[in-house]
C-alpha cells in the first residue's frame, strides 16, 4: 500500500502533508483490492458483501451503519455509479 501511494505522481506535492488527501488516496487504493481478478467477480463479491451485511450481536447501530455504508461505497466504486433499481423506481412513480 505504501509503495502504491509513493508511486503516485502527486504524492509529494499534495498528499504528503495533507491528511484528508492521504485518507482519500488510501481509500481509493484499498477499494481496488483485487486488481488482477475478473471484473464481474469483483462486482459479484461486492454485491454479496452488501446483501450479507448484518448487525452483529454486540454491535451498536452506528457501527453497523458505518459497515453498511462502506459496503455500499465499495459496490458503487466498482460499478462506477449509484445502485439503481430503475424498473422498481418507474413502477413506484407511475402509481
C-alpha atoms as a PDB file:
ATOM      1  CA  UNK A   1       0.000   0.000   0.000  1.00  0.00           C
ATOM      2  CA  UNK A   2       2.795   2.384   0.908  1.00  0.00           C
ATOM      3  CA  UNK A   3       4.563   1.716  -2.391  1.00  0.00           C
ATOM      4  CA  UNK A   4       1.370   2.439  -4.338  1.00  0.00           C
ATOM      5  CA  UNK A   5       0.997   5.781  -2.546  1.00  0.00           C
ATOM      6  CA  UNK A   6       4.643   6.709  -3.095  1.00  0.00           C
ATOM      7  CA  UNK A   7       4.293   5.881  -6.806  1.00  0.00           C
ATOM      8  CA  UNK A   8       1.535   8.439  -7.306  1.00  0.00           C
ATOM      9  CA  UNK A   9       2.722  11.488  -9.235  1.00  0.00           C
ATOM     10  CA  UNK A  10       1.083  13.951  -6.825  1.00  0.00           C
ATOM     11  CA  UNK A  11       2.263  12.279  -3.612  1.00  0.00           C
ATOM     12  CA  UNK A  12       4.914  14.788  -2.558  1.00  0.00           C
ATOM     13  CA  UNK A  13       3.049  17.858  -3.844  1.00  0.00           C
ATOM     14  CA  UNK A  14      -0.439  17.213  -2.483  1.00  0.00           C
ATOM     15  CA  UNK A  15      -0.768  14.049  -0.400  1.00  0.00           C
ATOM     16  CA  UNK A  16       2.357  14.043   1.796  1.00  0.00           C
ATOM     17  CA  UNK A  17       1.337  16.774   4.258  1.00  0.00           C
ATOM     18  CA  UNK A  18      -2.432  16.673   3.746  1.00  0.00           C
ATOM     19  CA  UNK A  19      -4.177  14.142   5.986  1.00  0.00           C
ATOM     20  CA  UNK A  20      -7.534  14.344   4.188  1.00  0.00           C
ATOM     21  CA  UNK A  21      -5.994  13.701   0.771  1.00  0.00           C
ATOM     22  CA  UNK A  22      -3.947  10.864   2.266  1.00  0.00           C
ATOM     23  CA  UNK A  23      -7.083   9.205   3.635  1.00  0.00           C
ATOM     24  CA  UNK A  24      -8.827   9.590   0.262  1.00  0.00           C
ATOM     25  CA  UNK A  25      -5.829   8.065  -1.525  1.00  0.00           C
ATOM     26  CA  UNK A  26      -5.747   5.160   0.946  1.00  0.00           C
ATOM     27  CA  UNK A  27      -9.469   4.552   0.432  1.00  0.00           C
ATOM     28  CA  UNK A  28      -9.037   4.637  -3.347  1.00  0.00           C
ATOM     29  CA  UNK A  29      -6.278   2.032  -3.244  1.00  0.00           C
ATOM     30  CA  UNK A  30      -7.989  -0.177  -0.687  1.00  0.00           C
ATOM     31  CA  UNK A  31     -11.230  -0.304  -2.708  1.00  0.00           C
ATOM     32  CA  UNK A  32      -9.289  -1.703  -5.665  1.00  0.00           C
ATOM     33  CA  UNK A  33      -8.122  -4.691  -3.658  1.00  0.00           C
ATOM     34  CA  UNK A  34      -8.444  -7.273  -6.449  1.00  0.00           C
ATOM     35  CA  UNK A  35      -6.933  -5.586  -9.481  1.00  0.00           C
ATOM     36  CA  UNK A  36      -5.962  -8.890 -11.103  1.00  0.00           C
ATOM     37  CA  UNK A  37      -9.380 -10.618 -10.770  1.00  0.00           C
ATOM     38  CA  UNK A  38     -12.216 -10.651 -13.235  1.00  0.00           C
ATOM     39  CA  UNK A  39     -14.306  -7.504 -13.008  1.00  0.00           C
ATOM     40  CA  UNK A  40     -17.655  -9.316 -12.734  1.00  0.00           C
ATOM     41  CA  UNK A  41     -16.266 -11.478  -9.940  1.00  0.00           C
ATOM     42  CA  UNK A  42     -15.303  -8.361  -8.016  1.00  0.00           C
ATOM     43  CA  UNK A  43     -18.757  -6.830  -8.570  1.00  0.00           C
ATOM     44  CA  UNK A  44     -20.432 -10.070  -7.523  1.00  0.00           C
ATOM     45  CA  UNK A  45     -18.357 -10.183  -4.330  1.00  0.00           C
ATOM     46  CA  UNK A  46     -19.245  -6.555  -3.589  1.00  0.00           C
ATOM     47  CA  UNK A  47     -22.985  -7.272  -4.053  1.00  0.00           C
ATOM     48  CA  UNK A  48     -22.692 -10.312  -1.808  1.00  0.00           C
ATOM     49  CA  UNK A  49     -20.874  -8.310   0.879  1.00  0.00           C
ATOM     50  CA  UNK A  50     -23.573  -5.617   0.769  1.00  0.00           C
ATOM     51  CA  UNK A  51     -26.524  -8.011   0.981  1.00  0.00           C
ATOM     52  CA  UNK A  52     -24.874 -10.086   3.718  1.00  0.00           C
ATOM     53  CA  UNK A  53     -24.076  -7.098   5.930  1.00  0.00           C
ATOM     54  CA  UNK A  54     -25.858  -7.703   9.223  1.00  0.00           C
ATOM     55  CA  UNK A  55     -25.682  -6.119  12.622  1.00  0.00           C
ATOM     56  CA  UNK A  56     -23.605  -8.282  14.929  1.00  0.00           C
ATOM     57  CA  UNK A  57     -24.840  -9.225  18.388  1.00  0.00           C
ATOM     58  CA  UNK A  58     -22.798  -6.695  20.389  1.00  0.00           C
ATOM     59  CA  UNK A  59     -22.547  -4.062  17.643  1.00  0.00           C
ATOM     60  CA  UNK A  60     -24.246  -0.714  18.091  1.00  0.00           C
ATOM     61  CA  UNK A  61     -26.334   0.893  15.356  1.00  0.00           C
ATOM     62  CA  UNK A  62     -23.699   3.498  14.499  1.00  0.00           C
ATOM     63  CA  UNK A  63     -21.038   0.850  13.799  1.00  0.00           C
ATOM     64  CA  UNK A  64     -23.472  -1.256  11.762  1.00  0.00           C
ATOM     65  CA  UNK A  65     -24.473   1.788   9.698  1.00  0.00           C
ATOM     66  CA  UNK A  66     -20.801   2.549   9.057  1.00  0.00           C
ATOM     67  CA  UNK A  67     -20.200  -1.065   7.858  1.00  0.00           C
ATOM     68  CA  UNK A  68     -23.260  -0.935   5.601  1.00  0.00           C
ATOM     69  CA  UNK A  69     -22.312   2.421   4.050  1.00  0.00           C
ATOM     70  CA  UNK A  70     -18.763   1.209   3.482  1.00  0.00           C
ATOM     71  CA  UNK A  71     -20.059  -1.891   1.672  1.00  0.00           C
ATOM     72  CA  UNK A  72     -22.351   0.340  -0.416  1.00  0.00           C
ATOM     73  CA  UNK A  73     -19.477   2.696  -1.288  1.00  0.00           C
ATOM     74  CA  UNK A  74     -17.279  -0.224  -2.335  1.00  0.00           C
ATOM     75  CA  UNK A  75     -20.017  -1.608  -4.588  1.00  0.00           C
ATOM     76  CA  UNK A  76     -20.688   1.802  -6.136  1.00  0.00           C
ATOM     77  CA  UNK A  77     -16.984   2.296  -6.796  1.00  0.00           C
ATOM     78  CA  UNK A  78     -16.864  -0.996  -8.714  1.00  0.00           C
ATOM     79  CA  UNK A  79     -19.997  -0.351 -10.778  1.00  0.00           C
ATOM     80  CA  UNK A  80     -18.874   3.274 -11.237  1.00  0.00           C
ATOM     81  CA  UNK A  81     -22.167   4.825 -10.198  1.00  0.00           C
ATOM     82  CA  UNK A  82     -25.083   4.597  -7.812  1.00  0.00           C
ATOM     83  CA  UNK A  83     -27.099   1.425  -7.318  1.00  0.00           C
ATOM     84  CA  UNK A  84     -30.237   1.966  -9.372  1.00  0.00           C
ATOM     85  CA  UNK A  85     -33.395  -0.095  -9.464  1.00  0.00           C
ATOM     86  CA  UNK A  86     -34.902   1.707 -12.446  1.00  0.00           C
ATOM     87  CA  UNK A  87     -37.763  -0.706 -13.125  1.00  0.00           C
ATOM     88  CA  UNK A  88     -38.903  -0.507  -9.488  1.00  0.00           C
ATOM     89  CA  UNK A  89     -38.456   3.278  -9.437  1.00  0.00           C
ATOM     90  CA  UNK A  90     -40.566   3.723 -12.583  1.00  0.00           C
ATOM     91  CA  UNK A  91     -43.229   1.361 -11.240  1.00  0.00           C
ATOM     92  CA  UNK A  92     -43.453   3.258  -7.933  1.00  0.00           C
ATOM     93  CA  UNK A  93     -43.732   6.672  -9.634  1.00  0.00           C
ATOM     94  CA  UNK A  94     -46.489   5.565 -12.047  1.00  0.00           C
ATOM     95  CA  UNK A  95     -48.952   4.909  -9.240  1.00  0.00           C
END
